[in-house]
Protein backbone atom coordinates (compact mmCIF):
# COMPACT_ATOMS: atom_id res chain seq x y z
CA MET A 1 20.29 104.14 -49.34
CA MET A 2 22.02 101.17 -50.11
CA ARG A 3 24.13 101.52 -47.31
CA LYS A 4 21.36 101.62 -44.93
CA GLN A 5 20.01 98.55 -46.36
CA SER A 6 23.21 96.76 -45.95
CA GLU A 7 23.30 97.76 -42.36
CA ILE A 8 19.80 96.64 -41.99
CA SER A 9 20.63 93.47 -43.71
CA LYS A 10 23.54 92.94 -41.34
CA LEU A 11 21.40 93.45 -38.37
CA PRO A 12 19.28 90.46 -38.94
CA THR A 13 22.37 88.37 -39.23
CA GLU A 14 23.51 89.51 -35.86
CA LEU A 15 20.12 88.74 -34.63
CA GLU A 16 20.31 85.45 -36.31
CA LEU A 17 23.63 84.87 -34.71
CA GLU A 18 22.29 85.63 -31.34
CA THR A 19 19.32 83.43 -31.86
CA HIS A 20 21.62 80.87 -33.25
CA ILE A 21 23.74 81.06 -30.09
CA TYR A 22 20.67 80.79 -27.92
CA GLU A 23 19.49 77.89 -29.96
CA GLU A 24 22.86 76.23 -29.67
CA ILE A 25 22.86 76.79 -25.93
CA SER A 26 19.37 75.43 -25.65
CA LEU A 27 20.33 72.52 -27.92
CA ARG A 28 23.38 71.77 -25.81
CA SER A 29 21.34 71.90 -22.64
CA GLU A 30 18.75 69.73 -24.31
CA ASN A 31 21.53 67.42 -25.47
CA ARG A 32 22.88 67.16 -21.89
CA ARG A 33 19.42 66.56 -20.56
CA LEU A 34 18.88 63.87 -23.19
CA GLU A 35 22.28 62.34 -22.42
CA SER A 36 21.41 62.24 -18.76
CA GLU A 37 18.06 60.71 -19.68
CA VAL A 38 19.84 58.17 -21.87
CA ASN A 39 22.19 57.39 -18.97
CA GLU A 40 19.19 56.96 -16.69
CA TYR A 41 17.59 54.68 -19.25
CA LYS A 42 20.85 52.75 -19.55
CA GLN A 43 20.96 52.37 -15.78
CA GLN A 44 17.34 51.29 -15.76
CA LEU A 45 18.10 48.88 -18.60
CA GLN A 46 21.04 47.46 -16.61
CA LYS A 47 18.83 47.07 -13.55
CA ILE A 48 16.13 45.47 -15.62
CA THR A 49 18.63 43.11 -17.29
CA LYS A 50 20.01 42.15 -13.87
CA GLU A 51 16.50 41.59 -12.61
CA ASN A 52 15.77 39.65 -15.78
CA GLU A 53 18.85 37.45 -15.17
CA VAL A 54 17.80 36.88 -11.56
CA LEU A 55 14.25 36.11 -12.64
CA THR A 56 15.55 33.81 -15.38
CA LYS A 57 17.63 31.91 -12.82
CA GLN A 58 14.64 31.73 -10.52
CA LYS A 59 12.51 30.55 -13.42
CA GLU A 60 15.06 27.82 -14.20
CA GLN A 61 15.14 26.75 -10.56
CA ILE A 62 11.36 26.73 -10.36
CA PHE A 63 11.20 24.85 -13.65
CA SER A 64 13.65 22.22 -12.39
CA GLU A 65 11.64 21.92 -9.16
CA PHE A 66 8.53 21.65 -11.29
CA LYS A 67 10.13 18.81 -13.27
CA VAL A 68 11.06 17.04 -10.03
CA LEU A 69 7.54 17.51 -8.68
CA GLN A 70 6.09 16.36 -11.97
CA ASN A 71 8.23 13.19 -11.86
CA THR A 72 7.19 12.63 -8.25
CA LEU A 73 3.57 13.10 -9.27
CA LYS A 74 3.99 10.57 -12.08
CA GLN A 75 5.55 8.09 -9.65
CA GLU A 76 2.72 8.64 -7.18
CA GLU A 77 0.20 8.20 -9.97
CA SER A 78 1.82 4.94 -11.06
CA PHE A 79 1.92 3.84 -7.42
CA ARG A 80 -1.77 4.74 -7.08
CA GLU A 81 -2.57 2.70 -10.20
CA GLN A 82 -0.57 -0.26 -8.86
CA TRP A 83 -2.36 0.10 -5.55
CA LYS A 84 -5.73 0.07 -7.31
CA GLU A 85 -4.70 -3.02 -9.27
CA LYS A 86 -3.61 -4.76 -6.07
CA GLN A 87 -6.88 -3.76 -4.38
CA ALA A 88 -8.84 -5.22 -7.31
CA GLU A 89 -6.73 -8.39 -7.16
CA LEU A 90 -7.25 -8.61 -3.41
CA SER A 91 -10.98 -8.16 -3.89
CA GLU A 92 -10.96 -10.95 -6.45
CA TYR A 93 -9.06 -13.21 -4.05
CA LYS A 94 -11.55 -12.39 -1.32
CA GLN A 95 -14.42 -13.35 -3.60
CA ARG A 96 -12.69 -16.60 -4.53
CA THR A 97 -12.03 -17.34 -0.88
CA PHE A 98 -15.63 -16.71 0.09
CA THR A 99 -16.91 -18.91 -2.73
CA LEU A 100 -14.49 -21.64 -1.70
CA ILE A 101 -15.62 -21.28 1.89
CA GLU A 102 -19.24 -21.50 0.79
CA ASP A 103 -18.45 -24.62 -1.25
CA GLN A 104 -16.51 -26.11 1.64
CA LYS A 105 -19.23 -25.15 4.09
CA LYS A 106 -21.64 -27.70 2.63
CA TRP A 107 -18.96 -30.37 2.67
CA LEU A 108 -17.89 -29.44 6.20
CA THR A 109 -21.46 -29.54 7.49
CA THR A 110 -21.91 -33.04 6.07
CA ILE A 111 -18.60 -34.11 7.63
CA SER A 112 -19.60 -32.49 10.91
CA GLU A 113 -22.93 -34.35 10.86
CA THR A 114 -21.14 -37.61 10.02
CA ILE A 115 -18.66 -37.08 12.86
CA THR A 116 -21.51 -36.30 15.25
CA ASN A 117 -23.35 -39.46 14.20
CA LEU A 118 -20.18 -41.54 14.54
CA THR A 119 -19.45 -40.16 18.00
CA ASN A 120 -23.01 -40.92 19.04
CA GLU A 121 -22.64 -44.48 17.71
CA ARG A 122 -19.29 -44.86 19.49
CA ASP A 123 -20.82 -43.65 22.76
CA ASP A 124 -23.70 -46.13 22.36
CA MET A 125 -21.21 -48.93 21.64
CA GLU A 126 -19.13 -47.97 24.66
CA GLU A 127 -22.22 -48.12 26.85
CA LYS A 128 -23.12 -51.54 25.43
CA LEU A 129 -19.53 -52.70 25.95
CA LEU A 130 -19.58 -51.53 29.56
CA LYS A 131 -22.87 -53.38 30.15
CA LYS A 132 -21.44 -56.53 28.57
CA GLU A 133 -18.26 -56.22 30.66
CA GLU A 134 -20.39 -55.88 33.80
CA ALA A 135 -22.41 -58.92 32.75
CA LEU A 136 -19.15 -60.82 32.10
CA GLN A 137 -17.88 -59.88 35.53
CA VAL A 138 -21.10 -61.14 37.09
CA LEU A 139 -20.82 -64.43 35.14
CA LEU A 140 -17.16 -64.82 36.12
CA GLU A 141 -18.01 -64.30 39.76
CA LYS A 142 -20.77 -66.89 39.51
CA HIS A 143 -18.37 -69.27 37.74
CA HIS A 144 -15.73 -68.84 40.46
CA LYS A 145 -18.30 -69.37 43.14
CA MET A 146 -19.53 -72.49 41.44
CA MET A 147 -16.01 -73.80 40.89
CA ASN A 148 -15.20 -73.29 44.52
CA THR A 149 -17.99 -75.59 45.69
CA LYS A 150 -17.14 -79.09 47.13
CA MET A 151 -18.84 -80.95 44.33
CA MET A 152 -16.73 -79.29 41.73
CA LYS A 153 -13.56 -79.87 43.68
CA TRP A 154 -14.32 -83.62 43.87
CA THR A 155 -15.22 -83.65 40.17
CA GLY A 156 -11.96 -81.94 39.35
CA LYS A 157 -9.96 -84.46 41.39
CA TYR A 158 -11.80 -87.35 39.70
CA TRP A 159 -10.90 -86.17 36.23
CA LYS A 160 -7.28 -85.59 37.17
CA LEU A 161 -6.97 -89.11 38.50
CA ARG A 162 -8.66 -90.52 35.44
CA LYS A 163 -6.22 -88.68 33.19
CA LYS A 164 -3.30 -90.18 35.12
CA ILE A 165 -4.70 -93.66 34.88
CA ILE A 166 -5.39 -93.33 31.17
CA SER A 167 -1.93 -91.91 30.55
CA LYS A 168 -0.31 -94.84 32.53
CA ASN A 169 -2.25 -97.41 30.58
CA LYS A 170 -1.02 -96.23 27.31
């Protein structure tokens, strides 16, 4: 009986061996499948790292462009502030100019009125002068007419002779 048991006990070992072989085969196939999966993951990891490198380079480029744009924006902002300051200064100068013009306007109107009055006076004086010149011309004509008369000629000759006689007597 013992013998039978030993045979029976051997049988499970054979069975175990067979199952063990099947398990080993399945484990090897599983191992290959896992290795292929690992290889796929490695390939995916390589692709992802390459993509990551490309994206990192793109990020650096975009970041440098962003810095340039940010600097440009700061310059434009400073320019805008300077422009606003200049506009405020210009507005202040305009106000000063208008106040000066308003102040000068009163002075200029008084000068304008004075000039107008003086020109009117000058015109009146010129008219008076012309009238006096005409009157002088009339008097001169009358004087010449009177001097050209015979009586005046004889009176003129008398006085000339008298002067000669007086000058000889001296």
